[in-house]
Each structure stands twice: as C-alpha cells, then as structure tokens.
Amino acid sequence: QREQVARLRARLDHAGIPHMANDSHIVP
C-alpha cells in the first residue's frame, strides 16, 4: 500500500495536479 501511495503521489506531481502533503495513506 505504501508503494502504491508513493506511486500515485509521484504521478500526480508529474501531471501537475496538486495534492495535500502528509505522511499517511490518504491523498486529498
């Protein structure tokens, strides 16, 4: 799960889609 959370955040960053930074599994 942690791997997939990190992958999603990296892909969102690459696409320029903002998301709230945090240290959990929740991606707002």
PDB file of all heavy atoms in Angstrom:
ATOM      1  N   GLN A   1       0.823  -1.205   0.000  1.00  0.00           N
ATOM      2  CA  GLN A   1       0.000   0.000   0.000  1.00  0.00           C
ATOM      3  C   GLN A   1       0.858   1.256   0.000  1.00  0.00           C
ATOM      4  O   GLN A   1       0.595   2.198  -0.753  1.00  0.00           O
ATOM      5  CB  GLN A   1      -0.937   0.024   1.214  1.00  0.00           C
ATOM      6  CG  GLN A   1      -1.908   1.206   1.153  1.00  0.00           C
ATOM      7  CD  GLN A   1      -2.484   1.577   2.496  1.00  0.00           C
ATOM      8  OE1 GLN A   1      -1.818   1.484   3.525  1.00  0.00           O
ATOM      9  NE2 GLN A   1      -3.738   1.993   2.503  1.00  0.00           N
ATOM     10  N   ARG A   2       1.896   1.282   0.822  1.00  0.00           N
ATOM     11  CA  ARG A   2       2.777   2.451   0.868  1.00  0.00           C
ATOM     12  C   ARG A   2       3.426   2.694  -0.497  1.00  0.00           C
ATOM     13  O   ARG A   2       3.595   3.845  -0.921  1.00  0.00           O
ATOM     14  CB  ARG A   2       3.833   2.281   1.962  1.00  0.00           C
ATOM     15  CG  ARG A   2       3.272   2.353   3.371  1.00  0.00           C
ATOM     16  CD  ARG A   2       4.361   2.526   4.408  1.00  0.00           C
ATOM     17  NE  ARG A   2       5.150   1.328   4.598  1.00  0.00           N
ATOM     18  CZ  ARG A   2       4.842   0.353   5.452  1.00  0.00           C
ATOM     19  NH1 ARG A   2       3.736   0.426   6.189  1.00  0.00           N
ATOM     20  NH2 ARG A   2       5.640  -0.698   5.593  1.00  0.00           N
ATOM     21  N   GLU A   3       3.794   1.611  -1.177  1.00  0.00           N
ATOM     22  CA  GLU A   3       4.377   1.749  -2.510  1.00  0.00           C
ATOM     23  C   GLU A   3       3.389   2.384  -3.484  1.00  0.00           C
ATOM     24  O   GLU A   3       3.765   3.262  -4.281  1.00  0.00           O
ATOM     25  CB  GLU A   3       4.803   0.370  -3.036  1.00  0.00           C
ATOM     26  CG  GLU A   3       5.991  -0.220  -2.300  1.00  0.00           C
ATOM     27  CD  GLU A   3       6.266  -1.656  -2.708  1.00  0.00           C
ATOM     28  OE1 GLU A   3       5.395  -2.248  -3.412  1.00  0.00           O
ATOM     29  OE2 GLU A   3       7.318  -2.196  -2.340  1.00  0.00           O
ATOM     30  N   GLN A   4       2.124   1.970  -3.419  1.00  0.00           N
ATOM     31  CA  GLN A   4       1.128   2.498  -4.341  1.00  0.00           C
ATOM     32  C   GLN A   4       0.758   3.939  -4.007  1.00  0.00           C
ATOM     33  O   GLN A   4       0.470   4.732  -4.909  1.00  0.00           O
ATOM     34  CB  GLN A   4      -0.108   1.598  -4.372  1.00  0.00           C
ATOM     35  CG  GLN A   4       0.166   0.196  -4.955  1.00  0.00           C
ATOM     36  CD  GLN A   4       0.841   0.257  -6.317  1.00  0.00           C
ATOM     37  OE1 GLN A   4       2.050   0.416  -6.438  1.00  0.00           O
ATOM     38  NE2 GLN A   4       0.029   0.150  -7.366  1.00  0.00           N
ATOM     39  N   VAL A   5       0.751   4.284  -2.725  1.00  0.00           N
ATOM     40  CA  VAL A   5       0.525   5.677  -2.337  1.00  0.00           C
ATOM     41  C   VAL A   5       1.639   6.555  -2.901  1.00  0.00           C
ATOM     42  O   VAL A   5       1.388   7.619  -3.485  1.00  0.00           O
ATOM     43  CB  VAL A   5       0.448   5.811  -0.804  1.00  0.00           C
ATOM     44  CG1 VAL A   5       0.470   7.288  -0.388  1.00  0.00           C
ATOM     45  CG2 VAL A   5      -0.811   5.135  -0.267  1.00  0.00           C
ATOM     46  N   ALA A   6       2.882   6.115  -2.741  1.00  0.00           N
ATOM     47  CA  ALA A   6       4.019   6.887  -3.254  1.00  0.00           C
ATOM     48  C   ALA A   6       3.962   6.997  -4.776  1.00  0.00           C
ATOM     49  O   ALA A   6       4.262   8.063  -5.344  1.00  0.00           O
ATOM     50  CB  ALA A   6       5.331   6.234  -2.814  1.00  0.00           C
ATOM     51  N   ARG A   7       3.576   5.917  -5.444  1.00  0.00           N
ATOM     52  CA  ARG A   7       3.484   5.957  -6.903  1.00  0.00           C
ATOM     53  C   ARG A   7       2.415   6.958  -7.344  1.00  0.00           C
ATOM     54  O   ARG A   7       2.639   7.750  -8.272  1.00  0.00           O
ATOM     55  CB  ARG A   7       3.168   4.573  -7.457  1.00  0.00           C
ATOM     56  CG  ARG A   7       2.978   4.571  -8.975  1.00  0.00           C
ATOM     57  CD  ARG A   7       2.714   3.182  -9.547  1.00  0.00           C
ATOM     58  NE  ARG A   7       2.434   3.265 -10.975  1.00  0.00           N
ATOM     59  CZ  ARG A   7       3.356   3.307 -11.924  1.00  0.00           C
ATOM     60  NH1 ARG A   7       4.638   3.276 -11.591  1.00  0.00           N
ATOM     61  NH2 ARG A   7       3.017   3.388 -13.200  1.00  0.00           N
ATOM     62  N   LEU A   8       1.260   6.934  -6.690  1.00  0.00           N
ATOM     63  CA  LEU A   8       0.206   7.871  -7.067  1.00  0.00           C
ATOM     64  C   LEU A   8       0.660   9.312  -6.863  1.00  0.00           C
ATOM     65  O   LEU A   8       0.453  10.169  -7.739  1.00  0.00           O
ATOM     66  CB  LEU A   8      -1.063   7.598  -6.257  1.00  0.00           C
ATOM     67  CG  LEU A   8      -2.192   8.618  -6.468  1.00  0.00           C
ATOM     68  CD1 LEU A   8      -2.643   8.648  -7.924  1.00  0.00           C
ATOM     69  CD2 LEU A   8      -3.366   8.325  -5.542  1.00  0.00           C
ATOM     70  N   ARG A   9       1.273   9.598  -5.732  1.00  0.00           N
ATOM     71  CA  ARG A   9       1.723  10.968  -5.471  1.00  0.00           C
ATOM     72  C   ARG A   9       2.744  11.413  -6.521  1.00  0.00           C
ATOM     73  O   ARG A   9       2.693  12.551  -7.003  1.00  0.00           O
ATOM     74  CB  ARG A   9       2.313  11.065  -4.065  1.00  0.00           C
ATOM     75  CG  ARG A   9       1.262  11.022  -2.950  1.00  0.00           C
ATOM     76  CD  ARG A   9       1.884  11.343  -1.599  1.00  0.00           C
ATOM     77  NE  ARG A   9       0.907  11.351  -0.528  1.00  0.00           N
ATOM     78  CZ  ARG A   9       0.126  12.391  -0.230  1.00  0.00           C
ATOM     79  NH1 ARG A   9       0.196  13.497  -0.951  1.00  0.00           N
ATOM     80  NH2 ARG A   9      -0.733  12.319   0.777  1.00  0.00           N
ATOM     81  N   ALA A  10       3.661  10.533  -6.891  1.00  0.00           N
ATOM     82  CA  ALA A  10       4.662  10.887  -7.900  1.00  0.00           C
ATOM     83  C   ALA A  10       4.013  11.150  -9.254  1.00  0.00           C
ATOM     84  O   ALA A  10       4.397  12.091  -9.969  1.00  0.00           O
ATOM     85  CB  ALA A  10       5.692   9.763  -8.009  1.00  0.00           C
ATOM     86  N   ARG A  11       3.026  10.348  -9.618  1.00  0.00           N
ATOM     87  CA  ARG A  11       2.339  10.540 -10.891  1.00  0.00           C
ATOM     88  C   ARG A  11       1.523  11.838 -10.886  1.00  0.00           C
ATOM     89  O   ARG A  11       1.451  12.546 -11.893  1.00  0.00           O
ATOM     90  CB  ARG A  11       1.448   9.337 -11.195  1.00  0.00           C
ATOM     91  CG  ARG A  11       2.202   8.041 -11.444  1.00  0.00           C
ATOM     92  CD  ARG A  11       2.863   8.029 -12.830  1.00  0.00           C
ATOM     93  NE  ARG A  11       1.850   7.856 -13.876  1.00  0.00           N
ATOM     94  CZ  ARG A  11       1.481   8.783 -14.743  1.00  0.00           C
ATOM     95  NH1 ARG A  11       2.034   9.981 -14.700  1.00  0.00           N
ATOM     96  NH2 ARG A  11       0.570   8.528 -15.663  1.00  0.00           N
ATOM     97  N   LEU A  12       0.893  12.155  -9.753  1.00  0.00           N
ATOM     98  CA  LEU A  12       0.157  13.423  -9.645  1.00  0.00           C
ATOM     99  C   LEU A  12       1.111  14.605  -9.784  1.00  0.00           C
ATOM    100  O   LEU A  12       0.798  15.594 -10.459  1.00  0.00           O
ATOM    101  CB  LEU A  12      -0.594  13.490  -8.316  1.00  0.00           C
ATOM    102  CG  LEU A  12      -1.787  12.547  -8.143  1.00  0.00           C
ATOM    103  CD1 LEU A  12      -2.289  12.595  -6.708  1.00  0.00           C
ATOM    104  CD2 LEU A  12      -2.919  12.892  -9.105  1.00  0.00           C
ATOM    105  N   ASP A  13       2.259  14.513  -9.138  1.00  0.00           N
ATOM    106  CA  ASP A  13       3.258  15.583  -9.252  1.00  0.00           C
ATOM    107  C   ASP A  13       3.691  15.756 -10.708  1.00  0.00           C
ATOM    108  O   ASP A  13       3.797  16.888 -11.211  1.00  0.00           O
ATOM    109  CB  ASP A  13       4.478  15.264  -8.390  1.00  0.00           C
ATOM    110  CG  ASP A  13       4.197  15.409  -6.904  1.00  0.00           C
ATOM    111  OD1 ASP A  13       3.224  16.095  -6.545  1.00  0.00           O
ATOM    112  OD2 ASP A  13       4.956  14.812  -6.100  1.00  0.00           O
ATOM    113  N   HIS A  14       3.951  14.659 -11.375  1.00  0.00           N
ATOM    114  CA  HIS A  14       4.405  14.714 -12.767  1.00  0.00           C
ATOM    115  C   HIS A  14       3.348  15.361 -13.665  1.00  0.00           C
ATOM    116  O   HIS A  14       3.683  16.088 -14.614  1.00  0.00           O
ATOM    117  CB  HIS A  14       4.728  13.301 -13.264  1.00  0.00           C
ATOM    118  CG  HIS A  14       5.235  13.260 -14.680  1.00  0.00           C
ATOM    119  ND1 HIS A  14       6.514  13.661 -15.026  1.00  0.00           N
ATOM    120  CD2 HIS A  14       4.629  12.883 -15.846  1.00  0.00           C
ATOM    121  CE1 HIS A  14       6.671  13.527 -16.322  1.00  0.00           C
ATOM    122  NE2 HIS A  14       5.550  13.057 -16.849  1.00  0.00           N
ATOM    123  N   ALA A  15       2.070  15.110 -13.338  1.00  0.00           N
ATOM    124  CA  ALA A  15       0.972  15.665 -14.139  1.00  0.00           C
ATOM    125  C   ALA A  15       0.610  17.087 -13.717  1.00  0.00           C
ATOM    126  O   ALA A  15      -0.255  17.718 -14.338  1.00  0.00           O
ATOM    127  CB  ALA A  15      -0.253  14.768 -14.030  1.00  0.00           C
ATOM    128  N   GLY A  16       1.247  17.597 -12.656  1.00  0.00           N
ATOM    129  CA  GLY A  16       0.957  18.955 -12.198  1.00  0.00           C
ATOM    130  C   GLY A  16      -0.360  19.077 -11.462  1.00  0.00           C
ATOM    131  O   GLY A  16      -0.943  20.164 -11.404  1.00  0.00           O
ATOM    132  N   ILE A  17      -0.829  17.985 -10.882  1.00  0.00           N
ATOM    133  CA  ILE A  17      -2.096  18.008 -10.137  1.00  0.00           C
ATOM    134  C   ILE A  17      -1.772  18.156  -8.660  1.00  0.00           C
ATOM    135  O   ILE A  17      -1.120  17.284  -8.071  1.00  0.00           O
ATOM    136  CB  ILE A  17      -2.908  16.732 -10.392  1.00  0.00           C
ATOM    137  CG1 ILE A  17      -3.278  16.646 -11.875  1.00  0.00           C
ATOM    138  CG2 ILE A  17      -4.166  16.706  -9.526  1.00  0.00           C
ATOM    139  CD1 ILE A  17      -3.867  15.331 -12.280  1.00  0.00           C
ATOM    140  N   PRO A  18      -2.189  19.241  -8.022  1.00  0.00           N
ATOM    141  CA  PRO A  18      -1.816  19.479  -6.623  1.00  0.00           C
ATOM    142  C   PRO A  18      -2.556  18.550  -5.672  1.00  0.00           C
ATOM    143  O   PRO A  18      -3.711  18.199  -5.883  1.00  0.00           O
ATOM    144  CB  PRO A  18      -2.238  20.934  -6.394  1.00  0.00           C
ATOM    145  CG  PRO A  18      -3.330  21.166  -7.379  1.00  0.00           C
ATOM    146  CD  PRO A  18      -3.016  20.324  -8.582  1.00  0.00           C
ATOM    147  N   HIS A  19      -1.870  18.150  -4.645  1.00  0.00           N
ATOM    148  CA  HIS A  19      -2.461  17.313  -3.599  1.00  0.00           C
ATOM    149  C   HIS A  19      -1.813  17.686  -2.272  1.00  0.00           C
ATOM    150  O   HIS A  19      -0.677  18.177  -2.241  1.00  0.00           O
ATOM    151  CB  HIS A  19      -2.273  15.829  -3.910  1.00  0.00           C
ATOM    152  CG  HIS A  19      -0.846  15.451  -4.206  1.00  0.00           C
ATOM    153  ND1 HIS A  19       0.005  14.936  -3.253  1.00  0.00           N
ATOM    154  CD2 HIS A  19      -0.117  15.531  -5.353  1.00  0.00           C
ATOM    155  CE1 HIS A  19       1.189  14.714  -3.794  1.00  0.00           C
ATOM    156  NE2 HIS A  19       1.146  15.071  -5.067  1.00  0.00           N
ATOM    157  N   MET A  20      -2.530  17.468  -1.204  1.00  0.00           N
ATOM    158  CA  MET A  20      -2.041  17.864   0.113  1.00  0.00           C
ATOM    159  C   MET A  20      -0.946  16.905   0.571  1.00  0.00           C
ATOM    160  O   MET A  20      -1.118  15.688   0.544  1.00  0.00           O
ATOM    161  CB  MET A  20      -3.179  17.872   1.129  1.00  0.00           C
ATOM    162  CG  MET A  20      -4.228  18.937   0.872  1.00  0.00           C
ATOM    163  SD  MET A  20      -5.561  18.915   2.094  1.00  0.00           S
ATOM    164  CE  MET A  20      -4.659  19.478   3.548  1.00  0.00           C
ATOM    165  N   ALA A  21       0.167  17.457   1.002  1.00  0.00           N
ATOM    166  CA  ALA A  21       1.266  16.635   1.515  1.00  0.00           C
ATOM    167  C   ALA A  21       0.933  16.140   2.911  1.00  0.00           C
ATOM    168  O   ALA A  21       0.399  16.882   3.746  1.00  0.00           O
ATOM    169  CB  ALA A  21       2.557  17.451   1.540  1.00  0.00           C
ATOM    170  N   ASN A  22       1.203  14.887   3.179  1.00  0.00           N
ATOM    171  CA  ASN A  22       1.068  14.319   4.514  1.00  0.00           C
ATOM    172  C   ASN A  22       1.888  13.038   4.568  1.00  0.00           C
ATOM    173  O   ASN A  22       2.450  12.604   3.567  1.00  0.00           O
ATOM    174  CB  ASN A  22      -0.406  14.082   4.885  1.00  0.00           C
ATOM    175  CG  ASN A  22      -1.097  13.102   3.947  1.00  0.00           C
ATOM    176  OD1 ASN A  22      -0.592  12.014   3.670  1.00  0.00           O
ATOM    177  ND2 ASN A  22      -2.271  13.489   3.445  1.00  0.00           N
ATOM    178  N   ASP A  23       1.941  12.438   5.736  1.00  0.00           N
ATOM    179  CA  ASP A  23       2.734  11.218   5.927  1.00  0.00           C
ATOM    180  C   ASP A  23       1.868   9.976   6.029  1.00  0.00           C
ATOM    181  O   ASP A  23       2.307   8.948   6.557  1.00  0.00           O
ATOM    182  CB  ASP A  23       3.597  11.349   7.198  1.00  0.00           C
ATOM    183  CG  ASP A  23       4.644  12.441   7.075  1.00  0.00           C
ATOM    184  OD1 ASP A  23       5.214  12.581   5.977  1.00  0.00           O
ATOM    185  OD2 ASP A  23       4.880  13.153   8.071  1.00  0.00           O
ATOM    186  N   SER A  24       0.641  10.042   5.529  1.00  0.00           N
ATOM    187  CA  SER A  24      -0.272   8.909   5.656  1.00  0.00           C
ATOM    188  C   SER A  24      -0.645   8.355   4.288  1.00  0.00           C
ATOM    189  O   SER A  24      -0.094   8.738   3.255  1.00  0.00           O
ATOM    190  CB  SER A  24      -1.531   9.330   6.417  1.00  0.00           C
ATOM    191  OG  SER A  24      -2.399  10.086   5.588  1.00  0.00           O
ATOM    192  N   HIS A  25      -1.609   7.476   4.297  1.00  0.00           N
ATOM    193  CA  HIS A  25      -2.096   6.801   3.091  1.00  0.00           C
ATOM    194  C   HIS A  25      -3.217   7.563   2.395  1.00  0.00           C
ATOM    195  O   HIS A  25      -3.734   7.091   1.382  1.00  0.00           O
ATOM    196  CB  HIS A  25      -2.626   5.417   3.489  1.00  0.00           C
ATOM    197  CG  HIS A  25      -3.705   5.495   4.526  1.00  0.00           C
ATOM    198  ND1 HIS A  25      -3.441   5.780   5.854  1.00  0.00           N
ATOM    199  CD2 HIS A  25      -5.048   5.375   4.439  1.00  0.00           C
ATOM    200  CE1 HIS A  25      -4.571   5.807   6.528  1.00  0.00           C
ATOM    201  NE2 HIS A  25      -5.561   5.567   5.701  1.00  0.00           N
ATOM    202  N   ILE A  26      -3.615   8.701   2.929  1.00  0.00           N
ATOM    203  CA  ILE A  26      -4.742   9.474   2.413  1.00  0.00           C
ATOM    204  C   ILE A  26      -4.216  10.578   1.494  1.00  0.00           C
ATOM    205  O   ILE A  26      -3.329  11.348   1.887  1.00  0.00           O
ATOM    206  CB  ILE A  26      -5.558  10.069   3.579  1.00  0.00           C
ATOM    207  CG1 ILE A  26      -6.171   8.937   4.416  1.00  0.00           C
ATOM    208  CG2 ILE A  26      -6.654  11.005   3.061  1.00  0.00           C
ATOM    209  CD1 ILE A  26      -6.689   9.381   5.769  1.00  0.00           C
ATOM    210  N   VAL A  27      -4.761  10.644   0.279  1.00  0.00           N
ATOM    211  CA  VAL A  27      -4.284  11.613  -0.718  1.00  0.00           C
ATOM    212  C   VAL A  27      -5.426  12.580  -1.049  1.00  0.00           C
ATOM    213  O   VAL A  27      -6.282  12.285  -1.887  1.00  0.00           O
ATOM    214  CB  VAL A  27      -3.796  10.905  -1.996  1.00  0.00           C
ATOM    215  CG1 VAL A  27      -3.236  11.926  -2.989  1.00  0.00           C
ATOM    216  CG2 VAL A  27      -2.754   9.845  -1.663  1.00  0.00           C
ATOM    217  N   PRO A  28      -5.479  13.739  -0.387  1.00  0.00           N
ATOM    218  CA  PRO A  28      -6.542  14.705  -0.675  1.00  0.00           C
ATOM    219  C   PRO A  28      -6.169  15.606  -1.858  1.00  0.00           C
ATOM    220  O   PRO A  28      -5.075  16.167  -1.897  1.00  0.00           O
ATOM    221  CB  PRO A  28      -6.641  15.535   0.622  1.00  0.00           C
ATOM    222  CG  PRO A  28      -5.703  14.883   1.601  1.00  0.00           C
ATOM    223  CD  PRO A  28      -4.692  14.146   0.776  1.00  0.00           C
TER     224      PRO A  28
END
